[in-house]
Amino acid sequence: MKRAVNDCEPGALDDLEAQVHRDLMLTQHPNTAWMPTRTGPDGNPMLDVLIAGAGQGGLVLAHQLQRNSVDNILVVDRAAYGSEGVWTTYARMHTLRSPKDYTGPDLGLPSLTYIAWHQAKYGKDHWDALALIDKDDWNDYLLWYRRILKLPVQNETALTGIEPATDAPNGGLRLTLETPSGPRIVYARKLVLATGQDGTGQWWMPDFIRRLPPNLRAHAADEIDFAALKGKTVAVLGAGASAADNAACALEAGAATVTMYVRREKMQRIQPYRWLTFAGFLNHVRDLPDEWRWRFMSYIQGLRESIPQGTYDRMRAHPNFSIRMGCPWLDAKAMDDRVLITTPGGEVAADFIICGTGIDVDFSARPELAPFASKIATWSDRYTPPAEEADGRLGRFAYLDANGAFVEKSAGDAPWLADIHDFTIGATISLGPSGCSINGMKAAVPMLAASITRGLFRADAAHHWQSLLDYDTPVFEPASDDPLVTDGGI
């Protein structure tokens, strides 16, 4: 459905950009600067907030903070410009999985919506005929969003170390960044981890697969040379959307056969994230007691993400594709440059295997979190679900406080964890859909921004009190001959 931009009204995108800036100006109240400058041990001003990750969640949070007049922020991303997030790397679907009318990054500003951008670029008729948003267009929209809002993003910069700023008089965090010019130390009052799906762990695959030679296996999130799979027998483990996307790519690259292996007896066709997209759930699931948060989110996480119709159609278009239900993998071993997979029905051979098996929350697997991984409270530390709802995998998710921040496992052991906010997929059990979710962004971003500014304001209460006492700006000037003025009373 895409058509050339020059088929549209000339200057439409420029007009839209001007409208965004006008709308921001009209809705900027209150915009009084209110953040005091704190100096770090290095003599430089401390950042108020450092956001690790310039994907959609990190960008939108930066915009919300700026709208709250918190401007001393920095967003860093390890990827090169244009490759932040998933859209140009391991997101192998053709379109987004969300309906096209879902909003989020706009934060309620109509001119900043994807719809407005798309219509300015391709025209209203193109939008009306569109079924789902092209993933490359979504990536272009996010880059446009970043540019016109002048968000402070530093690419090719990774957060590699986090520790308390014990040498700072007012606390905060000492952060190590790996930059193209070498390591750099910065100090920040707050840190947000907006590092995506694996931001608090790692992409998971069974140990018996991980032990295989790398040339014989990959995770669905890995860089995969699909062209090299032409004429090959490919086996895919998993029944979720990502597993199916990779299967479709292998088929389209000319694989001889592609088989999906699914442990369940029946293919799931329900997308639970469509159900939860209503204001009550998105705004208030985080307000529920533990038993209800766990019940809702563990059930939804257990369902996983169903295969979209478009991806299913991509796979079914190839007669050399098949699905084997009720067929988990029990073991796998390399043999003569192939993989021999053990299933309940016997052994099968493949030239290459792809695991669409999701993530495992494991703080020790992240170099920046590993030094204090044992100090972070998890759900299994704080809540024991009924036996029928038990899930060890989900029990490893971080148990976040009401501000979306890490909680120390033992009281008093690491109070500085309260300055680290989790906006990765690992926040799901505590907060519901958050930084990795387009449909949850409209509720999650303002909530997190308010939590951050709440902490900053409380910490600066004495400063603001003194500012109030010092405030002496009059709002009127009395006339010199005003009879009401006696004894200098005005």
Protein backbone atom coordinates (compact mmCIF):
# COMPACT_ATOMS: atom_id res chain seq x y z
CA MET A 1 0.00 0.00 0.00
CA LYS A 2 2.95 2.37 0.30
CA ARG A 3 3.30 5.10 -2.29
CA ALA A 4 5.81 7.82 -2.97
CA VAL A 5 5.83 10.74 -0.59
CA ASN A 6 5.78 13.20 -3.50
CA ASP A 7 2.33 11.93 -4.49
CA CYS A 8 0.98 13.86 -1.50
CA GLU A 9 0.43 17.54 -0.99
CA PRO A 10 3.81 19.31 -1.12
CA GLY A 11 4.98 20.52 2.24
CA ALA A 12 2.48 18.42 4.22
CA LEU A 13 5.14 17.10 6.59
CA ASP A 14 6.58 20.58 7.09
CA ASP A 15 3.10 21.86 7.89
CA LEU A 16 2.59 19.04 10.37
CA GLU A 17 5.89 19.80 12.09
CA ALA A 18 4.85 23.45 12.45
CA GLN A 19 1.53 22.31 13.91
CA VAL A 20 3.29 20.10 16.46
CA HIS A 21 5.37 23.04 17.67
CA ARG A 22 2.29 25.26 17.82
CA ASP A 23 0.36 22.64 19.80
CA LEU A 24 3.25 22.22 22.22
CA MET A 25 3.34 25.98 22.72
CA LEU A 26 -0.41 26.15 23.33
CA THR A 27 -0.33 23.31 25.89
CA GLN A 28 2.97 24.04 27.63
CA HIS A 29 1.51 25.30 30.96
CA PRO A 30 2.94 24.93 33.53
CA ASN A 31 6.43 25.47 32.17
CA THR A 32 8.22 27.22 35.02
CA ALA A 33 11.74 25.91 35.53
CA TRP A 34 11.74 24.15 38.89
CA MET A 35 14.67 21.77 39.01
CA PRO A 36 17.66 22.95 41.10
CA THR A 37 21.13 22.15 39.82
CA ARG A 38 23.02 19.55 41.77
CA THR A 39 26.75 19.27 41.29
CA GLY A 40 28.37 15.87 41.05
CA PRO A 41 31.70 14.86 42.60
CA ASP A 42 33.36 15.62 39.26
CA GLY A 43 32.33 19.27 39.53
CA ASN A 44 29.81 18.99 36.68
CA PRO A 45 26.02 19.28 37.03
CA MET A 46 24.41 15.93 37.76
CA LEU A 47 21.84 14.71 35.27
CA ASP A 48 18.38 14.69 36.72
CA VAL A 49 17.51 11.57 34.70
CA LEU A 50 19.50 9.23 32.48
CA ILE A 51 17.40 6.97 30.27
CA ALA A 52 19.14 3.87 28.96
CA GLY A 53 17.46 2.96 25.69
CA ALA A 54 16.25 5.16 22.83
CA GLY A 55 13.55 2.86 21.54
CA GLN A 56 9.94 3.95 21.65
CA GLY A 57 9.64 3.75 25.45
CA GLY A 58 12.77 5.79 26.13
CA LEU A 59 11.91 8.47 23.58
CA VAL A 60 8.36 8.98 24.80
CA LEU A 61 9.45 9.11 28.43
CA ALA A 62 12.05 11.76 27.54
CA HIS A 63 9.31 13.82 25.87
CA GLN A 64 7.02 13.51 28.89
CA LEU A 65 9.80 14.59 31.25
CA GLN A 66 10.54 17.62 29.10
CA ARG A 67 6.85 18.53 29.12
CA ASN A 68 7.16 18.45 32.92
CA SER A 69 10.09 20.91 32.68
CA VAL A 70 12.69 18.28 33.56
CA ASP A 71 15.19 19.15 30.84
CA ASN A 72 18.52 18.05 32.30
CA ILE A 73 18.22 14.54 30.91
CA LEU A 74 20.15 12.27 28.57
CA VAL A 75 19.00 9.27 26.55
CA VAL A 76 21.67 6.77 25.50
CA ASP A 77 21.46 3.80 23.16
CA ARG A 78 24.09 1.26 22.20
CA ALA A 79 22.79 1.08 18.63
CA ALA A 80 23.71 3.34 15.74
CA TYR A 81 21.25 6.02 14.66
CA GLY A 82 18.17 4.47 13.06
CA SER A 83 18.72 1.02 14.57
CA GLU A 84 17.36 1.68 18.06
CA GLY A 85 14.73 -0.73 19.32
CA VAL A 86 13.68 -3.78 17.32
CA TRP A 87 12.26 -2.49 14.07
CA THR A 88 15.31 -2.81 11.81
CA THR A 89 16.87 -5.80 13.55
CA TYR A 90 14.98 -8.80 14.91
CA ALA A 91 11.40 -7.58 14.34
CA ARG A 92 10.85 -9.80 11.32
CA MET A 93 7.17 -9.17 10.76
CA HIS A 94 6.14 -6.87 7.93
CA THR A 95 3.71 -4.82 10.00
CA LEU A 96 3.05 -3.94 13.62
CA ARG A 97 0.83 -6.37 15.50
CA SER A 98 -1.21 -3.58 17.09
CA PRO A 99 -4.27 -2.12 15.34
CA LYS A 100 -3.40 0.99 13.37
CA ASP A 101 -5.53 3.33 15.48
CA TYR A 102 -3.68 2.67 18.76
CA THR A 103 -2.07 5.84 20.06
CA GLY A 104 0.75 6.24 22.56
CA PRO A 105 3.85 8.31 21.70
CA ASP A 106 1.70 11.39 21.08
CA LEU A 107 0.78 11.66 24.79
CA GLY A 108 -2.57 13.13 23.82
CA LEU A 109 -1.32 15.64 21.21
CA PRO A 110 -3.25 14.93 17.95
CA SER A 111 -0.62 16.45 15.65
CA LEU A 112 2.02 14.12 17.15
CA THR A 113 0.12 10.89 16.48
CA TYR A 114 1.29 8.30 14.00
CA ILE A 115 -1.99 8.83 12.13
CA ALA A 116 -1.17 12.50 11.55
CA TRP A 117 2.36 11.66 10.38
CA HIS A 118 1.17 8.91 8.04
CA GLN A 119 -1.52 11.04 6.44
CA ALA A 120 0.94 13.92 5.96
CA LYS A 121 3.42 11.56 4.31
CA TYR A 122 1.16 9.30 2.24
CA GLY A 123 -2.26 10.94 2.22
CA LYS A 124 -5.61 10.22 3.86
CA ASP A 125 -6.74 7.73 1.20
CA HIS A 126 -3.64 5.64 1.82
CA TRP A 127 -4.34 5.67 5.55
CA ASP A 128 -7.98 4.69 5.06
CA ALA A 129 -6.94 1.71 2.92
CA LEU A 130 -4.18 0.63 5.31
CA ALA A 131 -4.74 -2.55 7.33
CA LEU A 132 -1.72 -2.45 9.67
CA ILE A 133 1.24 -0.09 10.06
CA ASP A 134 4.38 -1.05 8.17
CA LYS A 135 7.21 -1.60 10.67
CA ASP A 136 9.66 0.50 8.64
CA ASP A 137 7.19 3.37 8.63
CA TRP A 138 6.87 3.08 12.40
CA ASN A 139 10.64 3.30 12.73
CA ASP A 140 10.69 6.37 10.47
CA TYR A 141 7.93 7.94 12.57
CA LEU A 142 9.95 7.45 15.76
CA LEU A 143 13.00 9.07 14.16
CA TRP A 144 10.82 12.00 13.04
CA TYR A 145 9.37 12.20 16.56
CA ARG A 146 12.87 12.30 18.04
CA ARG A 147 14.04 14.98 15.61
CA ILE A 148 11.18 17.46 15.86
CA LEU A 149 11.06 17.21 19.67
CA LYS A 150 14.84 17.70 19.87
CA LEU A 151 15.23 14.80 22.28
CA PRO A 152 18.76 14.53 23.73
CA VAL A 153 19.84 11.12 22.42
CA GLN A 154 23.42 9.87 22.30
CA ASN A 155 23.86 6.84 20.05
CA GLU A 156 26.53 4.14 20.16
CA THR A 157 26.65 4.60 23.92
CA ALA A 158 25.97 1.73 26.30
CA LEU A 159 25.26 1.78 30.02
CA THR A 160 27.79 -0.67 31.45
CA GLY A 161 28.00 0.15 35.16
CA ILE A 162 25.65 1.28 37.93
CA GLU A 163 26.63 2.06 41.52
CA PRO A 164 25.60 4.46 44.26
CA ALA A 165 27.32 7.85 44.14
CA THR A 166 28.77 7.51 47.61
CA ASP A 167 31.05 10.48 46.96
CA ALA A 168 28.13 12.80 46.13
CA PRO A 169 26.83 14.91 49.04
CA ASN A 170 23.17 14.39 48.11
CA GLY A 171 23.29 10.83 46.85
CA GLY A 172 22.42 9.74 43.33
CA LEU A 173 24.01 7.25 40.99
CA ARG A 174 27.46 6.90 39.46
CA LEU A 175 27.01 5.51 35.96
CA THR A 176 29.57 4.15 33.53
CA LEU A 177 28.92 4.68 29.83
CA GLU A 178 30.86 2.98 27.06
CA THR A 179 31.17 5.50 24.22
CA PRO A 180 33.00 5.48 20.86
CA SER A 181 35.77 7.50 22.54
CA GLY A 182 36.02 5.19 25.54
CA PRO A 183 34.46 4.86 29.02
CA ARG A 184 32.79 7.90 30.54
CA ILE A 185 31.50 8.44 34.07
CA VAL A 186 28.33 10.47 34.57
CA TYR A 187 26.31 11.19 37.70
CA ALA A 188 22.52 11.14 37.71
CA ARG A 189 19.79 11.46 40.29
CA LYS A 190 17.53 8.94 38.57
CA LEU A 191 18.09 6.12 36.09
CA VAL A 192 15.48 4.54 33.83
CA LEU A 193 16.14 1.18 32.19
CA ALA A 194 14.27 1.30 28.89
CA THR A 195 16.40 -1.45 27.41
CA GLY A 196 13.68 -3.58 25.88
CA GLN A 197 12.70 -7.21 26.05
CA ASP A 198 15.96 -8.53 27.50
CA GLY A 199 16.76 -5.45 29.60
CA THR A 200 16.64 -7.35 32.89
CA GLY A 201 17.79 -10.72 31.64
CA GLN A 202 18.63 -12.58 28.47
CA TRP A 203 17.09 -14.24 25.47
CA TRP A 204 16.39 -17.79 26.57
CA MET A 205 16.82 -21.15 24.93
CA PRO A 206 17.12 -24.62 26.48
CA ASP A 207 20.62 -25.45 27.69
CA PHE A 208 20.90 -28.42 25.34
CA ILE A 209 20.39 -26.03 22.42
CA ARG A 210 22.72 -23.34 23.75
CA ARG A 211 25.48 -25.96 23.91
CA LEU A 212 25.21 -26.59 20.16
CA PRO A 213 27.71 -24.94 17.79
CA PRO A 214 26.53 -21.38 16.96
CA ASN A 215 26.49 -22.16 13.24
CA LEU A 216 23.66 -24.64 13.84
CA ARG A 217 21.29 -22.60 15.99
CA ALA A 218 20.02 -19.13 16.75
CA HIS A 219 17.51 -17.35 18.91
CA ALA A 220 14.74 -15.47 17.13
CA ALA A 221 16.32 -12.23 18.40
CA ASP A 222 19.76 -13.02 16.94
CA GLU A 223 21.12 -11.73 13.69
CA ILE A 224 20.36 -14.54 11.22
CA ASP A 225 21.66 -14.96 7.68
CA PHE A 226 18.42 -16.20 6.15
CA ALA A 227 19.92 -16.32 2.66
CA ALA A 228 22.24 -19.05 3.92
CA LEU A 229 19.20 -21.19 4.75
CA LYS A 230 18.22 -21.63 1.11
CA GLY A 231 17.76 -25.33 0.43
CA LYS A 232 18.12 -26.19 4.12
CA THR A 233 15.89 -28.05 6.55
CA VAL A 234 14.92 -25.59 9.28
CA ALA A 235 13.28 -26.41 12.61
CA VAL A 236 11.65 -23.67 14.71
CA LEU A 237 10.88 -24.11 18.40
CA GLY A 238 7.90 -22.15 19.68
CA ALA A 239 4.41 -21.08 18.68
CA GLY A 240 4.47 -17.36 19.39
CA ALA A 241 4.52 -14.45 16.98
CA SER A 242 8.33 -14.15 16.89
CA ALA A 243 8.81 -17.85 16.18
CA ALA A 244 6.33 -17.59 13.32
CA ASP A 245 7.97 -14.45 11.90
CA ASN A 246 11.30 -16.28 11.73
CA ALA A 247 9.70 -19.32 10.15
CA ALA A 248 8.17 -17.07 7.48
CA CYS A 249 11.53 -15.43 6.78
CA ALA A 250 13.22 -18.82 6.36
CA LEU A 251 10.51 -19.93 3.94
CA GLU A 252 10.75 -16.73 1.94
CA ALA A 253 14.54 -17.16 1.77
CA GLY A 254 14.08 -20.51 0.03
CA ALA A 255 14.48 -23.07 2.83
CA ALA A 256 13.73 -26.61 1.64
CA THR A 257 11.39 -27.27 4.56
CA VAL A 258 10.42 -25.35 7.69
CA THR A 259 8.69 -27.04 10.61
CA MET A 260 7.41 -25.37 13.76
CA TYR A 261 7.47 -27.55 16.88
CA VAL A 262 4.96 -26.65 19.59
CA ARG A 263 4.69 -28.27 23.02
CA ARG A 264 1.00 -27.38 23.34
CA GLU A 265 -1.65 -29.64 21.95
CA LYS A 266 -3.60 -26.78 20.40
CA MET A 267 -2.45 -23.61 18.66
CA GLN A 268 -3.37 -20.45 20.52
CA ARG A 269 -5.38 -18.02 18.44
CA ILE A 270 -6.23 -15.45 21.11
CA GLN A 271 -4.22 -12.22 21.52
CA PRO A 272 -4.60 -11.24 25.21
CA TYR A 273 -3.07 -7.81 24.65
CA ARG A 274 -6.14 -6.90 22.60
CA TRP A 275 -8.36 -7.71 25.61
CA LEU A 276 -6.45 -5.58 28.11
CA THR A 277 -6.49 -2.44 26.00
CA PHE A 278 -9.07 -0.51 27.99
CA ALA A 279 -8.58 2.46 30.28
CA GLY A 280 -9.45 0.69 33.51
CA PHE A 281 -6.84 -2.02 33.10
CA LEU A 282 -4.06 0.08 31.59
CA ASN A 283 -4.39 2.82 34.19
CA HIS A 284 -5.06 0.78 37.28
CA VAL A 285 -3.75 -2.78 37.10
CA ARG A 286 -0.68 -1.54 38.99
CA ASP A 287 -2.99 -0.39 41.81
CA LEU A 288 -4.32 -3.88 42.48
CA PRO A 289 -3.07 -5.97 45.40
CA ASP A 290 -0.37 -8.52 44.66
CA GLU A 291 -2.70 -11.47 44.26
CA TRP A 292 -4.69 -9.73 41.54
CA ARG A 293 -1.69 -8.27 39.71
CA TRP A 294 -0.11 -11.70 39.67
CA ARG A 295 -3.33 -13.42 38.60
CA PHE A 296 -3.97 -11.10 35.68
CA MET A 297 -0.44 -10.72 34.38
CA SER A 298 0.72 -14.30 34.88
CA TYR A 299 -2.34 -15.53 32.98
CA ILE A 300 -1.70 -13.08 30.15
CA GLN A 301 2.03 -13.89 30.06
CA GLY A 302 1.19 -17.59 30.04
CA LEU A 303 -0.93 -17.18 26.93
CA ARG A 304 1.94 -15.49 25.10
CA GLU A 305 1.40 -13.55 21.88
CA SER A 306 -0.64 -15.27 19.20
CA ILE A 307 0.49 -15.50 15.58
CA PRO A 308 -0.96 -12.54 13.62
CA GLN A 309 -3.06 -13.34 10.57
CA GLY A 310 -0.51 -11.80 8.22
CA THR A 311 2.32 -13.96 9.52
CA TYR A 312 0.16 -17.07 9.43
CA ASP A 313 -0.70 -16.33 5.81
CA ARG A 314 3.00 -15.85 4.97
CA MET A 315 3.79 -19.32 6.32
CA ARG A 316 0.78 -21.08 4.82
CA ALA A 317 1.63 -19.73 1.37
CA HIS A 318 4.47 -22.28 1.26
CA PRO A 319 3.64 -25.97 0.79
CA ASN A 320 6.96 -26.92 2.42
CA PHE A 321 5.79 -25.56 5.81
CA SER A 322 4.29 -27.65 8.61
CA ILE A 323 3.42 -27.41 12.32
CA ARG A 324 3.80 -30.28 14.77
CA MET A 325 1.63 -29.76 17.83
CA GLY A 326 2.23 -31.52 21.15
CA CYS A 327 5.85 -32.01 20.16
CA PRO A 328 8.30 -30.43 22.62
CA TRP A 329 12.04 -30.82 22.22
CA LEU A 330 13.62 -33.04 24.85
CA ASP A 331 17.24 -32.92 23.68
CA ALA A 332 19.40 -31.97 20.71
CA LYS A 333 22.91 -32.86 19.59
CA ALA A 334 25.16 -32.01 16.70
CA MET A 335 25.89 -34.76 14.21
CA ASP A 336 27.73 -34.35 10.90
CA ASP A 337 27.01 -30.58 10.65
CA ARG A 338 23.35 -31.18 11.35
CA VAL A 339 21.20 -31.21 14.49
CA LEU A 340 19.47 -34.33 15.74
CA ILE A 341 16.44 -33.30 17.82
CA THR A 342 14.79 -35.66 20.28
CA THR A 343 11.00 -35.38 20.55
CA PRO A 344 8.37 -37.59 22.23
CA GLY A 345 7.70 -39.05 18.80
CA GLY A 346 11.30 -39.87 17.98
CA GLU A 347 14.29 -38.08 16.49
CA VAL A 348 14.22 -35.54 13.67
CA ALA A 349 17.13 -33.95 11.83
CA ALA A 350 17.59 -30.32 10.79
CA ASP A 351 20.30 -28.23 9.21
CA PHE A 352 19.49 -25.21 11.36
CA ILE A 353 17.24 -24.50 14.33
CA ILE A 354 15.68 -21.25 15.52
CA CYS A 355 14.34 -20.78 19.05
CA GLY A 356 11.38 -18.46 19.45
CA THR A 357 11.46 -19.04 23.20
CA GLY A 358 11.34 -15.54 24.64
CA ILE A 359 13.33 -14.12 27.52
CA ASP A 360 14.37 -15.16 30.99
CA VAL A 361 14.61 -12.50 33.69
CA ASP A 362 18.07 -12.95 35.18
CA PHE A 363 19.70 -9.81 36.57
CA SER A 364 23.08 -11.53 36.71
CA ALA A 365 23.02 -11.93 32.92
CA ARG A 366 23.19 -8.15 32.44
CA PRO A 367 26.69 -6.73 33.06
CA GLU A 368 25.31 -3.45 34.39
CA LEU A 369 23.03 -5.26 36.89
CA ALA A 370 25.16 -8.28 37.77
CA PRO A 371 27.19 -6.66 40.61
CA PHE A 372 24.02 -6.10 42.67
CA ALA A 373 21.72 -8.74 41.17
CA SER A 374 21.31 -10.50 44.53
CA LYS A 375 20.05 -7.29 46.15
CA ILE A 376 17.03 -6.80 43.84
CA ALA A 377 13.73 -8.13 45.17
CA THR A 378 11.80 -10.43 42.85
CA TRP A 379 8.18 -11.48 42.89
CA SER A 380 9.15 -14.82 44.40
CA ASP A 381 10.72 -12.88 47.29
CA ARG A 382 7.51 -10.99 48.03
CA TYR A 383 4.56 -13.12 46.96
CA THR A 384 3.63 -16.80 47.03
CA PRO A 385 0.78 -17.52 44.61
CA PRO A 386 -1.64 -20.43 44.95
CA ALA A 387 -0.21 -23.67 43.65
CA GLU A 388 -2.34 -23.57 40.52
CA GLU A 389 -0.93 -20.12 39.64
CA ALA A 390 2.73 -20.83 40.44
CA ASP A 391 5.26 -19.95 37.74
CA GLY A 392 8.95 -19.99 38.55
CA ARG A 393 9.86 -18.07 35.40
CA LEU A 394 7.59 -15.16 36.27
CA GLY A 395 8.67 -15.30 39.90
CA ARG A 396 12.08 -14.02 38.75
CA PHE A 397 10.58 -10.75 37.49
CA ALA A 398 11.50 -7.69 39.55
CA TYR A 399 9.06 -6.76 42.29
CA LEU A 400 8.79 -3.02 41.70
CA ASP A 401 7.48 -0.38 44.07
CA ALA A 402 4.60 1.97 43.27
CA ASN A 403 7.06 4.24 41.46
CA GLY A 404 8.22 1.49 39.11
CA ALA A 405 11.59 1.34 40.88
CA PHE A 406 13.61 -1.63 42.09
CA VAL A 407 13.05 -2.71 45.68
CA GLU A 408 15.90 -3.94 47.86
CA LYS A 409 15.61 -7.58 48.83
CA SER A 410 16.74 -6.89 52.41
CA ALA A 411 15.71 -3.60 54.02
CA GLY A 412 18.62 -1.19 54.35
CA ASP A 413 20.95 -3.26 52.17
CA ALA A 414 20.72 -1.14 48.99
CA PRO A 415 18.39 1.85 49.42
CA TRP A 416 19.84 3.46 46.29
CA LEU A 417 17.92 0.92 44.18
CA ALA A 418 14.90 3.21 44.63
CA ASP A 419 16.56 5.56 42.11
CA ILE A 420 16.53 2.89 39.36
CA HIS A 421 13.24 2.62 37.47
CA ASP A 422 12.52 -0.47 35.38
CA PHE A 423 10.73 0.25 32.09
CA THR A 424 11.64 -3.02 30.36
CA ILE A 425 9.48 -6.07 29.74
CA GLY A 426 10.54 -7.08 33.26
CA ALA A 427 8.17 -4.45 34.67
CA THR A 428 5.13 -6.30 33.31
CA ILE A 429 4.08 -8.24 36.39
CA SER A 430 4.30 -5.19 38.64
CA LEU A 431 2.98 -2.48 36.31
CA GLY A 432 1.18 -4.20 33.46
CA PRO A 433 2.05 -3.24 29.86
CA SER A 434 4.76 -0.60 29.99
CA GLY A 435 7.79 0.56 28.01
CA CYS A 436 7.82 -2.24 25.43
CA SER A 437 4.12 -1.94 24.67
CA ILE A 438 2.51 0.52 22.26
CA ASN A 439 -0.96 -0.06 23.68
CA GLY A 440 0.23 0.46 27.26
CA MET A 441 2.36 3.54 26.61
CA LYS A 442 -0.44 6.08 26.93
CA ALA A 443 -0.94 5.09 30.57
CA ALA A 444 2.52 3.85 31.53
CA VAL A 445 4.66 6.81 30.42
CA PRO A 446 2.77 9.54 32.34
CA MET A 447 2.70 7.25 35.38
CA LEU A 448 6.45 6.69 35.31
CA ALA A 449 7.24 10.34 34.61
CA ALA A 450 5.05 11.38 37.56
CA SER A 451 6.83 8.86 39.77
CA ILE A 452 10.20 10.27 38.78
CA THR A 453 9.21 13.90 39.29
CA ARG A 454 7.55 12.98 42.59
CA GLY A 455 10.85 11.59 43.85
CA LEU A 456 12.80 14.59 42.60
CA PHE A 457 10.38 17.07 44.18
CA ARG A 458 10.32 15.30 47.53
CA ALA A 459 14.10 15.18 47.66
CA ASP A 460 14.21 18.92 46.97
CA ALA A 461 11.45 19.91 49.41
CA ALA A 462 13.81 22.06 51.52
CA HIS A 463 15.02 23.85 48.39
CA HIS A 464 11.46 24.59 47.27
CA TRP A 465 10.53 25.78 50.76
CA GLN A 466 13.37 28.28 50.73
CA SER A 467 12.40 29.31 47.21
CA LEU A 468 8.90 30.07 48.49
CA LEU A 469 10.26 32.12 51.38
CA ASP A 470 12.49 34.07 49.00
CA TYR A 471 9.73 34.69 46.47
CA ASP A 472 9.08 38.43 46.32
CA THR A 473 7.76 39.19 42.85
CA PRO A 474 4.86 41.69 43.13
CA VAL A 475 1.87 41.41 40.81
CA PHE A 476 0.89 45.10 40.85
CA GLU A 477 2.51 48.50 41.29
CA PRO A 478 0.65 50.97 43.56
CA ALA A 479 0.22 54.58 42.50
CA SER A 480 2.47 56.98 44.40
CA ASP A 481 -0.51 59.11 45.46
CA ASP A 482 -2.75 56.20 46.38
CA PRO A 483 -4.59 57.24 49.57
CA LEU A 484 -4.64 53.61 50.64
CA VAL A 485 -0.89 53.67 50.98
CA THR A 486 -0.09 54.68 54.57
CA ASP A 487 3.07 54.22 56.51
CA GLY A 488 4.65 52.19 53.72
CA GLY A 489 1.94 49.53 53.98
CA ILE A 490 2.16 48.59 50.34
